[in-house]
Amino acid sequence: MENETIKKLNVLLTHWMEHNREHAAEYDKWALQAKTEGFTEVFAALKEASDVIQKTNEKLLKTWEILKKQTKE
């Protein structure tokens, strides 16, 4: 039987990763809009924010994989 904490973490980690992907896509969309209108510094800042979220997702994915591995042992 799966521990309640493990169940909750599985749900949270997958939710957070999806939520972050949505935010990153929105940042990228607006970054391109800003670039199109000549706001190059805004573009760069939004792209940086998107990159940070994507790196965060890499860490969350690693965490999720560790969790899955540890619960199978």
N, C-alpha and C. Protein backbone atom coordinates (compact mmCIF):
# COMPACT_ATOMS: atom_id res chain seq x y z
N MET A 1 0.84 -1.19 0.00
CA MET A 1 0.00 0.00 0.00
C MET A 1 0.89 1.25 0.00
N GLU A 2 0.53 2.18 -0.84
CA GLU A 2 1.32 3.38 -1.00
C GLU A 2 1.07 4.36 0.15
N ASN A 3 2.14 4.90 0.66
CA ASN A 3 2.12 5.90 1.71
C ASN A 3 1.40 7.17 1.21
N GLU A 4 0.64 7.82 2.09
CA GLU A 4 -0.09 9.04 1.72
C GLU A 4 0.84 10.15 1.24
N THR A 5 2.00 10.27 1.87
CA THR A 5 2.96 11.30 1.46
C THR A 5 3.44 11.04 0.04
N ILE A 6 3.71 9.78 -0.27
CA ILE A 6 4.16 9.41 -1.61
C ILE A 6 3.07 9.72 -2.64
N LYS A 7 1.84 9.37 -2.32
CA LYS A 7 0.72 9.67 -3.22
C LYS A 7 0.63 11.17 -3.49
N LYS A 8 0.69 11.93 -2.41
CA LYS A 8 0.56 13.38 -2.54
C LYS A 8 1.73 13.97 -3.34
N LEU A 9 2.94 13.51 -3.07
CA LEU A 9 4.10 14.00 -3.81
C LEU A 9 4.01 13.68 -5.29
N ASN A 10 3.53 12.49 -5.62
CA ASN A 10 3.35 12.14 -7.04
C ASN A 10 2.40 13.11 -7.72
N VAL A 11 1.30 13.40 -7.07
CA VAL A 11 0.32 14.34 -7.62
C VAL A 11 0.92 15.74 -7.73
N LEU A 12 1.55 16.19 -6.65
CA LEU A 12 2.11 17.54 -6.64
C LEU A 12 3.21 17.73 -7.67
N LEU A 13 4.13 16.78 -7.73
CA LEU A 13 5.25 16.92 -8.66
C LEU A 13 4.76 16.98 -10.11
N THR A 14 3.85 16.11 -10.48
CA THR A 14 3.34 16.15 -11.85
C THR A 14 2.55 17.44 -12.11
N HIS A 15 1.80 17.88 -11.13
CA HIS A 15 1.05 19.14 -11.27
C HIS A 15 2.01 20.33 -11.42
N TRP A 16 3.02 20.38 -10.56
CA TRP A 16 3.97 21.50 -10.61
C TRP A 16 4.70 21.55 -11.95
N MET A 17 5.10 20.37 -12.46
CA MET A 17 5.82 20.36 -13.73
C MET A 17 4.93 20.85 -14.87
N GLU A 18 3.68 20.41 -14.91
CA GLU A 18 2.76 20.86 -15.95
C GLU A 18 2.49 22.36 -15.81
N HIS A 19 2.26 22.80 -14.60
CA HIS A 19 2.01 24.22 -14.34
C HIS A 19 3.21 25.07 -14.80
N ASN A 20 4.39 24.60 -14.49
CA ASN A 20 5.61 25.32 -14.90
C ASN A 20 5.75 25.37 -16.42
N ARG A 21 5.42 24.25 -17.10
CA ARG A 21 5.48 24.24 -18.57
C ARG A 21 4.54 25.30 -19.15
N GLU A 22 3.37 25.41 -18.57
CA GLU A 22 2.40 26.41 -19.04
C GLU A 22 2.93 27.82 -18.84
N HIS A 23 3.52 28.08 -17.68
CA HIS A 23 4.10 29.40 -17.43
C HIS A 23 5.24 29.69 -18.38
N ALA A 24 6.13 28.75 -18.58
CA ALA A 24 7.27 28.95 -19.47
C ALA A 24 6.79 29.27 -20.89
N ALA A 25 5.78 28.55 -21.35
CA ALA A 25 5.24 28.81 -22.69
C ALA A 25 4.66 30.23 -22.78
N GLU A 26 3.99 30.65 -21.74
CA GLU A 26 3.42 32.01 -21.72
C GLU A 26 4.53 33.06 -21.71
N TYR A 27 5.58 32.83 -20.93
CA TYR A 27 6.72 33.76 -20.91
C TYR A 27 7.36 33.84 -22.29
N ASP A 28 7.52 32.68 -22.95
CA ASP A 28 8.12 32.66 -24.29
C ASP A 28 7.26 33.43 -25.29
N LYS A 29 5.96 33.23 -25.18
CA LYS A 29 5.02 33.93 -26.08
C LYS A 29 5.17 35.44 -25.94
N TRP A 30 5.19 35.91 -24.70
CA TRP A 30 5.29 37.35 -24.49
C TRP A 30 6.69 37.87 -24.74
N ALA A 31 7.67 37.04 -24.56
CA ALA A 31 9.04 37.44 -24.89
C ALA A 31 9.14 37.72 -26.39
N LEU A 32 8.58 36.85 -27.20
CA LEU A 32 8.60 37.06 -28.65
C LEU A 32 7.81 38.31 -29.05
N GLN A 33 6.69 38.53 -28.38
CA GLN A 33 5.90 39.74 -28.66
C GLN A 33 6.72 40.99 -28.33
N ALA A 34 7.37 40.96 -27.18
CA ALA A 34 8.21 42.11 -26.78
C ALA A 34 9.34 42.32 -27.79
N LYS A 35 9.97 41.23 -28.21
CA LYS A 35 11.07 41.33 -29.19
C LYS A 35 10.57 41.93 -30.50
N THR A 36 9.41 41.48 -30.94
CA THR A 36 8.81 41.98 -32.18
C THR A 36 8.60 43.49 -32.12
N GLU A 37 8.27 43.97 -30.93
CA GLU A 37 8.00 45.40 -30.77
C GLU A 37 9.24 46.19 -30.35
N GLY A 38 10.40 45.53 -30.34
CA GLY A 38 11.65 46.23 -30.08
C GLY A 38 12.06 46.32 -28.62
N PHE A 39 11.38 45.63 -27.75
CA PHE A 39 11.71 45.64 -26.33
C PHE A 39 12.70 44.51 -26.02
N THR A 40 13.94 44.71 -26.45
CA THR A 40 14.93 43.63 -26.37
C THR A 40 15.30 43.26 -24.93
N GLU A 41 15.33 44.23 -24.04
CA GLU A 41 15.66 43.92 -22.64
C GLU A 41 14.52 43.14 -21.98
N VAL A 42 13.30 43.49 -22.31
CA VAL A 42 12.15 42.75 -21.79
C VAL A 42 12.18 41.32 -22.34
N PHE A 43 12.46 41.20 -23.63
CA PHE A 43 12.60 39.88 -24.25
C PHE A 43 13.63 39.03 -23.50
N ALA A 44 14.80 39.60 -23.27
CA ALA A 44 15.87 38.86 -22.60
C ALA A 44 15.48 38.45 -21.18
N ALA A 45 14.83 39.34 -20.46
CA ALA A 45 14.42 39.04 -19.09
C ALA A 45 13.37 37.93 -19.05
N LEU A 46 12.41 37.98 -19.96
CA LEU A 46 11.39 36.93 -20.00
C LEU A 46 11.97 35.59 -20.42
N LYS A 47 12.90 35.62 -21.37
CA LYS A 47 13.55 34.37 -21.78
C LYS A 47 14.34 33.77 -20.62
N GLU A 48 14.99 34.62 -19.85
CA GLU A 48 15.73 34.15 -18.67
C GLU A 48 14.77 33.52 -17.66
N ALA A 49 13.63 34.17 -17.45
CA ALA A 49 12.63 33.61 -16.53
C ALA A 49 12.14 32.26 -17.04
N SER A 50 11.91 32.14 -18.32
CA SER A 50 11.49 30.87 -18.91
C SER A 50 12.56 29.80 -18.71
N ASP A 51 13.81 30.16 -18.92
CA ASP A 51 14.92 29.22 -18.73
C ASP A 51 15.01 28.73 -17.29
N VAL A 52 14.80 29.63 -16.35
CA VAL A 52 14.85 29.26 -14.93
C VAL A 52 13.74 28.26 -14.61
N ILE A 53 12.56 28.51 -15.13
CA ILE A 53 11.45 27.58 -14.90
C ILE A 53 11.75 26.21 -15.51
N GLN A 54 12.33 26.21 -16.69
CA GLN A 54 12.66 24.94 -17.33
C GLN A 54 13.73 24.18 -16.53
N LYS A 55 14.69 24.89 -15.98
CA LYS A 55 15.69 24.25 -15.11
C LYS A 55 15.04 23.72 -13.83
N THR A 56 14.10 24.47 -13.30
CA THR A 56 13.36 24.01 -12.13
C THR A 56 12.62 22.71 -12.46
N ASN A 57 12.02 22.66 -13.64
CA ASN A 57 11.33 21.44 -14.03
C ASN A 57 12.28 20.25 -14.14
N GLU A 58 13.50 20.48 -14.59
CA GLU A 58 14.48 19.40 -14.64
C GLU A 58 14.73 18.85 -13.23
N LYS A 59 14.83 19.74 -12.26
CA LYS A 59 15.02 19.32 -10.86
C LYS A 59 13.80 18.58 -10.33
N LEU A 60 12.61 19.07 -10.67
CA LEU A 60 11.39 18.40 -10.22
C LEU A 60 11.27 17.01 -10.86
N LEU A 61 11.63 16.90 -12.13
CA LEU A 61 11.59 15.60 -12.79
C LEU A 61 12.57 14.64 -12.13
N LYS A 62 13.76 15.12 -11.82
CA LYS A 62 14.74 14.28 -11.13
C LYS A 62 14.18 13.82 -9.77
N THR A 63 13.56 14.73 -9.06
CA THR A 63 12.95 14.41 -7.78
C THR A 63 11.88 13.34 -7.95
N TRP A 64 11.03 13.48 -8.96
CA TRP A 64 9.96 12.53 -9.22
C TRP A 64 10.53 11.15 -9.55
N GLU A 65 11.60 11.13 -10.35
CA GLU A 65 12.24 9.86 -10.70
C GLU A 65 12.85 9.18 -9.46
N ILE A 66 13.46 9.97 -8.59
CA ILE A 66 14.01 9.43 -7.34
C ILE A 66 12.89 8.85 -6.50
N LEU A 67 11.80 9.58 -6.39
CA LEU A 67 10.66 9.13 -5.61
C LEU A 67 10.13 7.80 -6.13
N LYS A 68 9.98 7.71 -7.46
CA LYS A 68 9.48 6.47 -8.06
C LYS A 68 10.44 5.32 -7.81
N LYS A 69 11.73 5.59 -7.94
CA LYS A 69 12.74 4.55 -7.72
C LYS A 69 12.71 4.06 -6.27
N GLN A 70 12.67 4.99 -5.35
CA GLN A 70 12.71 4.64 -3.91
C GLN A 70 11.44 3.90 -3.47
N THR A 71 10.33 4.20 -4.10
CA THR A 71 9.10 3.53 -3.69
C THR A 71 8.97 2.14 -4.29
N LYS A 72 9.80 1.83 -5.28
CA LYS A 72 9.79 0.49 -5.87
C LYS A 72 10.71 -0.46 -5.12
N GLU A 73 11.61 0.10 -4.34
CA GLU A 73 12.58 -0.74 -3.60
C GLU A 73 11.96 -1.37 -2.40
